[in-house]
Amino acid sequence: MVRGIVMLQYVTIAAACVIMLASAGQSAQSAQPGAACPAKESEKGFLLKSVLVRGQERRYVVYVPPGYDPAEPTPTILFLHGMGESGTDGVKQIAIGLGMSVLRDVDRWPFIIIFPQKRTAEALWDTEDAHLTAVLNKTRRELNVDESRIYLTGLSQGGHGTWAIAARHPETFVAIAPICGWGEKWMAKKLADTPAWIFHGDADNVVTPMGSTGMADFLRAAGGSPKLTMYPGVGHNSWDKAYGEEDLPEWFLEHMK
């Protein structure tokens, strides 16, 4: 019950930030789904968006950093949430993980960050390929995305999604940071040349730590050199520590095509 109250507080804060900041730009209600609309100088912060995917409106959030300059290509992160943030509200996914890290310290994250939302808790991100492609392409039309610096990260189901989606599009994502996720050997073979910083708590009883250590082993066997951080005594919530890692934003920026 306590965890539910805390989650509700986070969602309320996140939704308030999106609503407040979206009012200065393009809201989901005023936007034409899928339409190209270059961001104005005033459109900064967490912006509520929507896109048509196979005839259905899908809401998502795009974070535009305070220092964004439409004339300059900007590094971009695609963030995949966990099971608990699934839904259709379009904002819950910024309440856990990377969104909260940005809210705590915007200066650490000079990135465009895309926060899609999958509809059901049961579905894995593997099934959302068309959705993610549509959201990324719409962001490319609206903002000056640096094509040489597009990164992928996610937690729990989103950690698995990070492995799965990056393996399907290794040409798109320059570096990945899967958190408390899991993958398969074939994914590691596809990602041997992709820098990966993997995070997990060694006391995780929701997703076994083997989900991450196994993928690190698969990557090494395929010729990769992953970075693996295991947090002693930490359970499933390893994302607060991972996104709080001082070097993580710079680590992303070190990698480019």
C-alpha atoms as a PDB file:
ATOM      1  CA  MET A   1       0.000   0.000   0.000  1.00  0.00           C
ATOM      2  CA  VAL A   2       2.842   2.396   0.840  1.00  0.00           C
ATOM      3  CA  ARG A   3       4.506   1.693  -2.515  1.00  0.00           C
ATOM      4  CA  GLY A   4       1.193   2.481  -4.236  1.00  0.00           C
ATOM      5  CA  ILE A   5       0.937   5.838  -2.446  1.00  0.00           C
ATOM      6  CA  VAL A   6       4.514   6.750  -3.370  1.00  0.00           C
ATOM      7  CA  MET A   7       3.860   5.741  -6.983  1.00  0.00           C
ATOM      8  CA  LEU A   8       0.725   7.916  -7.055  1.00  0.00           C
ATOM      9  CA  GLN A   9       2.715  10.864  -5.718  1.00  0.00           C
ATOM     10  CA  TYR A  10       5.360  10.394  -8.413  1.00  0.00           C
ATOM     11  CA  VAL A  11       2.719  10.121 -11.130  1.00  0.00           C
ATOM     12  CA  THR A  12       0.964  13.253  -9.861  1.00  0.00           C
ATOM     13  CA  ILE A  13       4.230  15.207  -9.913  1.00  0.00           C
ATOM     14  CA  ALA A  14       5.148  13.874 -13.347  1.00  0.00           C
ATOM     15  CA  ALA A  15       1.721  14.596 -14.810  1.00  0.00           C
ATOM     16  CA  ALA A  16       1.768  18.122 -13.389  1.00  0.00           C
ATOM     17  CA  CYS A  17       5.158  18.772 -14.989  1.00  0.00           C
ATOM     18  CA  VAL A  18       3.957  17.482 -18.365  1.00  0.00           C
ATOM     19  CA  ILE A  19       0.703  19.451 -18.277  1.00  0.00           C
ATOM     20  CA  MET A  20       2.416  22.651 -17.164  1.00  0.00           C
ATOM     21  CA  LEU A  21       5.206  22.475 -19.712  1.00  0.00           C
ATOM     22  CA  ALA A  22       3.096  21.161 -22.562  1.00  0.00           C
ATOM     23  CA  SER A  23       0.838  24.195 -22.214  1.00  0.00           C
ATOM     24  CA  ALA A  24       3.714  26.302 -23.526  1.00  0.00           C
ATOM     25  CA  GLY A  25       4.069  24.076 -26.566  1.00  0.00           C
ATOM     26  CA  GLN A  26       2.105  21.442 -28.422  1.00  0.00           C
ATOM     27  CA  SER A  27      -0.321  19.471 -26.250  1.00  0.00           C
ATOM     28  CA  ALA A  28      -1.727  16.082 -27.177  1.00  0.00           C
ATOM     29  CA  GLN A  29      -5.151  17.669 -27.632  1.00  0.00           C
ATOM     30  CA  SER A  30      -3.931  20.396 -29.992  1.00  0.00           C
ATOM     31  CA  ALA A  31      -1.453  18.248 -31.911  1.00  0.00           C
ATOM     32  CA  GLN A  32      -2.316  16.534 -35.136  1.00  0.00           C
ATOM     33  CA  PRO A  33      -1.103  12.949 -34.633  1.00  0.00           C
ATOM     34  CA  GLY A  34       1.836  12.212 -36.876  1.00  0.00           C
ATOM     35  CA  ALA A  35       2.089  15.781 -38.176  1.00  0.00           C
ATOM     36  CA  ALA A  36       5.465  17.467 -38.516  1.00  0.00           C
ATOM     37  CA  CYS A  37       5.635  20.609 -36.393  1.00  0.00           C
ATOM     38  CA  PRO A  38       9.136  21.985 -35.688  1.00  0.00           C
ATOM     39  CA  ALA A  39       9.538  22.902 -32.034  1.00  0.00           C
ATOM     40  CA  LYS A  40       9.566  26.584 -31.181  1.00  0.00           C
ATOM     41  CA  GLU A  41      12.232  28.097 -28.978  1.00  0.00           C
ATOM     42  CA  SER A  42       9.785  28.180 -26.032  1.00  0.00           C
ATOM     43  CA  GLU A  43       8.915  24.492 -26.228  1.00  0.00           C
ATOM     44  CA  LYS A  44      11.176  23.055 -23.534  1.00  0.00           C
ATOM     45  CA  GLY A  45      10.704  20.517 -20.794  1.00  0.00           C
ATOM     46  CA  PHE A  46       8.347  17.519 -20.775  1.00  0.00           C
ATOM     47  CA  LEU A  47       5.961  17.832 -23.728  1.00  0.00           C
ATOM     48  CA  LEU A  48       2.896  15.629 -24.147  1.00  0.00           C
ATOM     49  CA  LYS A  49       2.645  14.283 -27.708  1.00  0.00           C
ATOM     50  CA  SER A  50       0.689  11.759 -29.735  1.00  0.00           C
ATOM     51  CA  VAL A  51       1.213   9.757 -32.903  1.00  0.00           C
ATOM     52  CA  LEU A  52      -0.966   7.470 -35.012  1.00  0.00           C
ATOM     53  CA  VAL A  53       0.227   3.867 -35.091  1.00  0.00           C
ATOM     54  CA  ARG A  54      -1.816   1.530 -37.268  1.00  0.00           C
ATOM     55  CA  GLY A  55      -4.812   3.794 -36.899  1.00  0.00           C
ATOM     56  CA  GLN A  56      -4.561   4.145 -33.113  1.00  0.00           C
ATOM     57  CA  GLU A  57      -3.513   7.251 -31.207  1.00  0.00           C
ATOM     58  CA  ARG A  58      -0.542   6.592 -28.931  1.00  0.00           C
ATOM     59  CA  ARG A  59       0.402   9.197 -26.350  1.00  0.00           C
ATOM     60  CA  TYR A  60       3.989   9.746 -25.283  1.00  0.00           C
ATOM     61  CA  VAL A  61       6.251  12.391 -23.789  1.00  0.00           C
ATOM     62  CA  VAL A  62       9.281  14.115 -25.273  1.00  0.00           C
ATOM     63  CA  TYR A  63      11.694  15.930 -22.991  1.00  0.00           C
ATOM     64  CA  VAL A  64      13.429  18.910 -24.592  1.00  0.00           C
ATOM     65  CA  PRO A  65      16.375  20.167 -22.487  1.00  0.00           C
ATOM     66  CA  PRO A  66      16.646  23.839 -21.465  1.00  0.00           C
ATOM     67  CA  GLY A  67      19.702  24.350 -23.674  1.00  0.00           C
ATOM     68  CA  TYR A  68      18.103  22.919 -26.808  1.00  0.00           C
ATOM     69  CA  ASP A  69      18.970  24.888 -29.953  1.00  0.00           C
ATOM     70  CA  PRO A  70      16.915  23.993 -33.074  1.00  0.00           C
ATOM     71  CA  ALA A  71      19.972  24.802 -35.189  1.00  0.00           C
ATOM     72  CA  GLU A  72      22.167  22.242 -33.427  1.00  0.00           C
ATOM     73  CA  PRO A  73      21.818  18.431 -33.595  1.00  0.00           C
ATOM     74  CA  THR A  74      21.018  17.178 -30.086  1.00  0.00           C
ATOM     75  CA  PRO A  75      21.903  13.773 -28.594  1.00  0.00           C
ATOM     76  CA  THR A  76      18.757  11.725 -28.069  1.00  0.00           C
ATOM     77  CA  ILE A  77      17.733   8.928 -25.690  1.00  0.00           C
ATOM     78  CA  LEU A  78      14.822   6.535 -26.122  1.00  0.00           C
ATOM     79  CA  PHE A  79      13.615   5.315 -22.688  1.00  0.00           C
ATOM     80  CA  LEU A  80      11.559   2.140 -22.181  1.00  0.00           C
ATOM     81  CA  HIS A  81       9.587   1.867 -18.927  1.00  0.00           C
ATOM     82  CA  GLY A  82       8.734  -1.171 -16.814  1.00  0.00           C
ATOM     83  CA  MET A  83       5.538  -3.166 -16.326  1.00  0.00           C
ATOM     84  CA  GLY A  84       4.000  -0.853 -13.731  1.00  0.00           C
ATOM     85  CA  GLU A  85       4.041   2.229 -15.955  1.00  0.00           C
ATOM     86  CA  SER A  86       2.034   0.651 -18.789  1.00  0.00           C
ATOM     87  CA  GLY A  87      -1.199   2.354 -19.778  1.00  0.00           C
ATOM     88  CA  THR A  88      -2.772   4.927 -22.096  1.00  0.00           C
ATOM     89  CA  ASP A  89      -2.481   8.127 -20.042  1.00  0.00           C
ATOM     90  CA  GLY A  90       0.768   9.056 -21.797  1.00  0.00           C
ATOM     91  CA  VAL A  91       2.584  10.373 -18.702  1.00  0.00           C
ATOM     92  CA  LYS A  92       2.994   7.605 -16.111  1.00  0.00           C
ATOM     93  CA  GLN A  93       6.203   6.432 -17.781  1.00  0.00           C
ATOM     94  CA  ILE A  94       8.153   9.504 -16.653  1.00  0.00           C
ATOM     95  CA  ALA A  95       7.320   8.835 -12.995  1.00  0.00           C
ATOM     96  CA  ILE A  96       9.880   6.034 -12.537  1.00  0.00           C
ATOM     97  CA  GLY A  97      13.477   5.921 -13.681  1.00  0.00           C
ATOM     98  CA  LEU A  98      15.028   8.356 -16.113  1.00  0.00           C
ATOM     99  CA  GLY A  99      12.237  10.932 -15.965  1.00  0.00           C
ATOM    100  CA  MET A 100      12.626  11.365 -12.222  1.00  0.00           C
ATOM    101  CA  SER A 101      16.408  11.601 -12.587  1.00  0.00           C
ATOM    102  CA  VAL A 102      15.910  14.468 -15.036  1.00  0.00           C
ATOM    103  CA  LEU A 103      13.466  16.196 -12.693  1.00  0.00           C
ATOM    104  CA  ARG A 104      16.028  15.979  -9.890  1.00  0.00           C
ATOM    105  CA  ASP A 105      18.819  17.570 -11.954  1.00  0.00           C
ATOM    106  CA  VAL A 106      18.092  18.806 -15.482  1.00  0.00           C
ATOM    107  CA  ASP A 107      21.686  19.924 -15.997  1.00  0.00           C
ATOM    108  CA  ARG A 108      22.904  16.317 -15.956  1.00  0.00           C
ATOM    109  CA  TRP A 109      20.811  15.358 -18.986  1.00  0.00           C
ATOM    110  CA  PRO A 110      21.430  17.597 -22.039  1.00  0.00           C
ATOM    111  CA  PHE A 111      19.482  15.188 -24.242  1.00  0.00           C
ATOM    112  CA  ILE A 112      16.215  15.010 -26.087  1.00  0.00           C
ATOM    113  CA  ILE A 113      14.550  12.103 -24.274  1.00  0.00           C
ATOM    114  CA  ILE A 114      11.625  10.163 -25.715  1.00  0.00           C
ATOM    115  CA  PHE A 115       9.245   8.415 -23.296  1.00  0.00           C
ATOM    116  CA  PRO A 116       6.842   6.084 -25.170  1.00  0.00           C
ATOM    117  CA  GLN A 117       4.242   4.065 -23.273  1.00  0.00           C
ATOM    118  CA  LYS A 118       3.094   0.523 -23.983  1.00  0.00           C
ATOM    119  CA  ARG A 119      -0.554  -0.149 -23.292  1.00  0.00           C
ATOM    120  CA  THR A 120      -0.635  -3.370 -21.279  1.00  0.00           C
ATOM    121  CA  ALA A 121       1.513  -4.772 -18.501  1.00  0.00           C
ATOM    122  CA  GLU A 122       1.573  -8.203 -20.137  1.00  0.00           C
ATOM    123  CA  ALA A 123       2.980  -7.027 -23.478  1.00  0.00           C
ATOM    124  CA  LEU A 124       6.740  -6.903 -23.926  1.00  0.00           C
ATOM    125  CA  TRP A 125       8.505  -4.148 -25.837  1.00  0.00           C
ATOM    126  CA  ASP A 126       9.342  -6.675 -28.561  1.00  0.00           C
ATOM    127  CA  THR A 127       5.757  -6.202 -29.795  1.00  0.00           C
ATOM    128  CA  GLU A 128       6.060  -2.403 -29.947  1.00  0.00           C
ATOM    129  CA  ASP A 129       8.553  -2.071 -32.787  1.00  0.00           C
ATOM    130  CA  ALA A 130       6.194  -0.171 -35.116  1.00  0.00           C
ATOM    131  CA  HIS A 131       5.157   2.111 -32.240  1.00  0.00           C
ATOM    132  CA  LEU A 132       8.758   2.943 -31.304  1.00  0.00           C
ATOM    133  CA  THR A 133       9.713   3.553 -34.926  1.00  0.00           C
ATOM    134  CA  ALA A 134       6.778   5.941 -35.353  1.00  0.00           C
ATOM    135  CA  VAL A 135       7.613   7.869 -32.174  1.00  0.00           C
ATOM    136  CA  LEU A 136      11.294   8.147 -33.064  1.00  0.00           C
ATOM    137  CA  ASN A 137      10.549   9.256 -36.632  1.00  0.00           C
ATOM    138  CA  LYS A 138       8.049  11.886 -35.474  1.00  0.00           C
ATOM    139  CA  THR A 139      10.624  13.256 -33.051  1.00  0.00           C
ATOM    140  CA  ARG A 140      13.134  13.416 -35.904  1.00  0.00           C
ATOM    141  CA  ARG A 141      10.667  15.547 -37.880  1.00  0.00           C
ATOM    142  CA  GLU A 142       9.898  17.889 -34.996  1.00  0.00           C
ATOM    143  CA  LEU A 143      13.333  18.271 -33.413  1.00  0.00           C
ATOM    144  CA  ASN A 144      16.952  18.356 -34.504  1.00  0.00           C
ATOM    145  CA  VAL A 145      17.962  14.833 -33.450  1.00  0.00           C
ATOM    146  CA  ASP A 146      21.662  14.038 -33.697  1.00  0.00           C
ATOM    147  CA  GLU A 147      21.586  10.889 -35.831  1.00  0.00           C
ATOM    148  CA  SER A 148      25.120  10.015 -34.758  1.00  0.00           C
ATOM    149  CA  ARG A 149      24.150   9.954 -31.065  1.00  0.00           C
ATOM    150  CA  ILE A 150      20.906   8.070 -30.471  1.00  0.00           C
ATOM    151  CA  TYR A 151      20.898   5.917 -27.316  1.00  0.00           C
ATOM    152  CA  LEU A 152      18.562   3.344 -25.792  1.00  0.00           C
ATOM    153  CA  THR A 153      17.890   2.537 -22.142  1.00  0.00           C
ATOM    154  CA  GLY A 154      15.150   1.002 -20.039  1.00  0.00           C
ATOM    155  CA  LEU A 155      14.340  -0.762 -16.796  1.00  0.00           C
ATOM    156  CA  SER A 156      12.875  -4.194 -15.975  1.00  0.00           C
ATOM    157  CA  GLN A 157      10.586  -4.980 -18.941  1.00  0.00           C
ATOM    158  CA  GLY A 158      12.223  -1.951 -20.510  1.00  0.00           C
ATOM    159  CA  GLY A 159      15.624  -3.477 -19.765  1.00  0.00           C
ATOM    160  CA  HIS A 160      14.577  -6.510 -21.753  1.00  0.00           C
ATOM    161  CA  GLY A 161      13.170  -4.168 -24.379  1.00  0.00           C
ATOM    162  CA  THR A 162      16.512  -2.388 -24.579  1.00  0.00           C
ATOM    163  CA  TRP A 163      18.205  -5.638 -25.548  1.00  0.00           C
ATOM    164  CA  ALA A 164      15.432  -6.701 -27.929  1.00  0.00           C
ATOM    165  CA  ILE A 165      14.887  -3.402 -29.768  1.00  0.00           C
ATOM    166  CA  ALA A 166      18.605  -2.589 -30.023  1.00  0.00           C
ATOM    167  CA  ALA A 167      19.235  -6.042 -31.476  1.00  0.00           C
ATOM    168  CA  ARG A 168      16.613  -5.372 -34.134  1.00  0.00           C
ATOM    169  CA  HIS A 169      18.074  -1.938 -34.932  1.00  0.00           C
ATOM    170  CA  PRO A 170      21.801  -2.019 -34.148  1.00  0.00           C
ATOM    171  CA  GLU A 171      22.364   0.587 -36.868  1.00  0.00           C
ATOM    172  CA  THR A 172      20.214   3.118 -34.969  1.00  0.00           C
ATOM    173  CA  PHE A 173      21.390   2.929 -31.364  1.00  0.00           C
ATOM    174  CA  VAL A 174      24.989   3.923 -30.685  1.00  0.00           C
ATOM    175  CA  ALA A 175      25.062   2.746 -27.050  1.00  0.00           C
ATOM    176  CA  ILE A 176      22.631   1.046 -24.665  1.00  0.00           C
ATOM    177  CA  ALA A 177      22.064   0.926 -20.901  1.00  0.00           C
ATOM    178  CA  PRO A 178      19.750  -1.946 -19.902  1.00  0.00           C
ATOM    179  CA  ILE A 179      18.741  -1.971 -16.218  1.00  0.00           C
ATOM    180  CA  CYS A 180      17.512  -5.062 -14.324  1.00  0.00           C
ATOM    181  CA  GLY A 181      16.515  -6.677 -17.599  1.00  0.00           C
ATOM    182  CA  TRP A 182      17.168  -9.893 -19.462  1.00  0.00           C
ATOM    183  CA  GLY A 183      17.884 -10.974 -23.015  1.00  0.00           C
ATOM    184  CA  GLU A 184      18.787 -13.854 -25.296  1.00  0.00           C
ATOM    185  CA  LYS A 185      21.999 -15.066 -26.869  1.00  0.00           C
ATOM    186  CA  TRP A 186      20.971 -14.028 -30.382  1.00  0.00           C
ATOM    187  CA  MET A 187      20.563 -10.450 -29.174  1.00  0.00           C
ATOM    188  CA  ALA A 188      24.118 -10.390 -27.838  1.00  0.00           C
ATOM    189  CA  LYS A 189      25.437 -11.574 -31.189  1.00  0.00           C
ATOM    190  CA  LYS A 190      23.695  -8.648 -32.891  1.00  0.00           C
ATOM    191  CA  LEU A 191      25.066  -6.199 -30.316  1.00  0.00           C
ATOM    192  CA  ALA A 192      28.686  -7.315 -30.001  1.00  0.00           C
ATOM    193  CA  ASP A 193      29.870  -4.000 -31.459  1.00  0.00           C
ATOM    194  CA  THR A 194      27.428  -1.823 -29.481  1.00  0.00           C
ATOM    195  CA  PRO A 195      28.744  -0.309 -26.230  1.00  0.00           C
ATOM    196  CA  ALA A 196      26.617  -1.502 -23.309  1.00  0.00           C
ATOM    197  CA  TRP A 197      26.561  -0.468 -19.666  1.00  0.00           C
ATOM    198  CA  ILE A 198      24.493  -3.056 -17.818  1.00  0.00           C
ATOM    199  CA  PHE A 199      23.006  -2.529 -14.323  1.00  0.00           C
ATOM    200  CA  HIS A 200      21.385  -4.910 -11.842  1.00  0.00           C
ATOM    201  CA  GLY A 201      20.902  -5.390  -8.105  1.00  0.00           C
ATOM    202  CA  ASP A 202      22.348  -8.657  -6.848  1.00  0.00           C
ATOM    203  CA  ALA A 203      19.378  -9.102  -4.467  1.00  0.00           C
ATOM    204  CA  ASP A 204      16.755  -8.690  -7.228  1.00  0.00           C
ATOM    205  CA  ASN A 205      13.998 -11.272  -6.689  1.00  0.00           C
ATOM    206  CA  VAL A 206      11.821 -10.045  -9.572  1.00  0.00           C
ATOM    207  CA  VAL A 207      14.279 -10.365 -12.463  1.00  0.00           C
ATOM    208  CA  THR A 208      17.163 -12.647 -11.605  1.00  0.00           C
ATOM    209  CA  PRO A 209      20.609 -11.000 -11.756  1.00  0.00           C
ATOM    210  CA  MET A 210      21.496 -13.746 -14.222  1.00  0.00           C
ATOM    211  CA  GLY A 211      19.408 -11.805 -16.711  1.00  0.00           C
ATOM    212  CA  SER A 212      22.206  -9.226 -16.812  1.00  0.00           C
ATOM    213  CA  THR A 213      25.288 -11.293 -15.973  1.00  0.00           C
ATOM    214  CA  GLY A 214      24.261 -13.846 -18.587  1.00  0.00           C
ATOM    215  CA  MET A 215      23.931 -11.178 -21.260  1.00  0.00           C
ATOM    216  CA  ALA A 216      27.342  -9.772 -20.299  1.00  0.00           C
ATOM    217  CA  ASP A 217      28.810 -13.259 -20.760  1.00  0.00           C
ATOM    218  CA  PHE A 218      27.051 -13.658 -24.118  1.00  0.00           C
ATOM    219  CA  LEU A 219      28.418 -10.286 -25.271  1.00  0.00           C
ATOM    220  CA  ARG A 220      31.977 -11.175 -24.262  1.00  0.00           C
ATOM    221  CA  ALA A 221      31.703 -14.507 -26.060  1.00  0.00           C
ATOM    222  CA  ALA A 222      30.562 -12.613 -29.173  1.00  0.00           C
ATOM    223  CA  GLY A 223      33.566 -10.285 -28.974  1.00  0.00           C
ATOM    224  CA  GLY A 224      31.968  -7.413 -27.093  1.00  0.00           C
ATOM    225  CA  SER A 225      33.284  -5.509 -24.078  1.00  0.00           C
ATOM    226  CA  PRO A 226      30.258  -4.663 -21.914  1.00  0.00           C
ATOM    227  CA  LYS A 227      30.436  -2.645 -18.718  1.00  0.00           C
ATOM    228  CA  LEU A 228      28.593  -4.420 -15.883  1.00  0.00           C
ATOM    229  CA  THR A 229      27.590  -2.784 -12.592  1.00  0.00           C
ATOM    230  CA  MET A 230      26.071  -5.016  -9.895  1.00  0.00           C
ATOM    231  CA  TYR A 231      24.741  -3.279  -6.781  1.00  0.00           C
ATOM    232  CA  PRO A 232      25.313  -5.335  -3.606  1.00  0.00           C
ATOM    233  CA  GLY A 233      22.195  -5.838  -1.507  1.00  0.00           C
ATOM    234  CA  VAL A 234      19.950  -3.952  -3.965  1.00  0.00           C
ATOM    235  CA  GLY A 235      16.656  -5.479  -5.034  1.00  0.00           C
ATOM    236  CA  HIS A 236      14.642  -4.846  -8.170  1.00  0.00           C
ATOM    237  CA  ASN A 237      14.914  -1.072  -7.986  1.00  0.00           C
ATOM    238  CA  SER A 238      18.417  -0.659  -9.322  1.00  0.00           C
ATOM    239  CA  TRP A 239      17.287   2.136 -11.649  1.00  0.00           C
ATOM    240  CA  ASP A 240      17.552   4.926  -9.075  1.00  0.00           C
ATOM    241  CA  LYS A 241      21.206   4.067  -8.523  1.00  0.00           C
ATOM    242  CA  ALA A 242      21.849   3.480 -12.229  1.00  0.00           C
ATOM    243  CA  TYR A 243      20.389   6.793 -13.427  1.00  0.00           C
ATOM    244  CA  GLY A 244      22.079   8.453 -10.473  1.00  0.00           C
ATOM    245  CA  GLU A 245      25.505   7.287 -11.677  1.00  0.00           C
ATOM    246  CA  GLU A 246      27.465  10.493 -12.142  1.00  0.00           C
ATOM    247  CA  ASP A 247      29.269   9.212 -15.224  1.00  0.00           C
ATOM    248  CA  LEU A 248      26.278   7.754 -17.100  1.00  0.00           C
ATOM    249  CA  PRO A 249      25.298  10.848 -19.155  1.00  0.00           C
ATOM    250  CA  GLU A 250      28.932  11.414 -20.135  1.00  0.00           C
ATOM    251  CA  TRP A 251      29.326   7.731 -20.942  1.00  0.00           C
ATOM    252  CA  PHE A 252      26.493   8.013 -23.435  1.00  0.00           C
ATOM    253  CA  LEU A 253      28.017  11.126 -25.004  1.00  0.00           C
ATOM    254  CA  GLU A 254      31.393   9.438 -25.420  1.00  0.00           C
ATOM    255  CA  HIS A 255      29.843   7.143 -28.014  1.00  0.00           C
ATOM    256  CA  MET A 256      28.877   8.335 -31.468  1.00  0.00           C
ATOM    257  CA  LYS A 257      28.867   7.036 -35.020  1.00  0.00           C
END
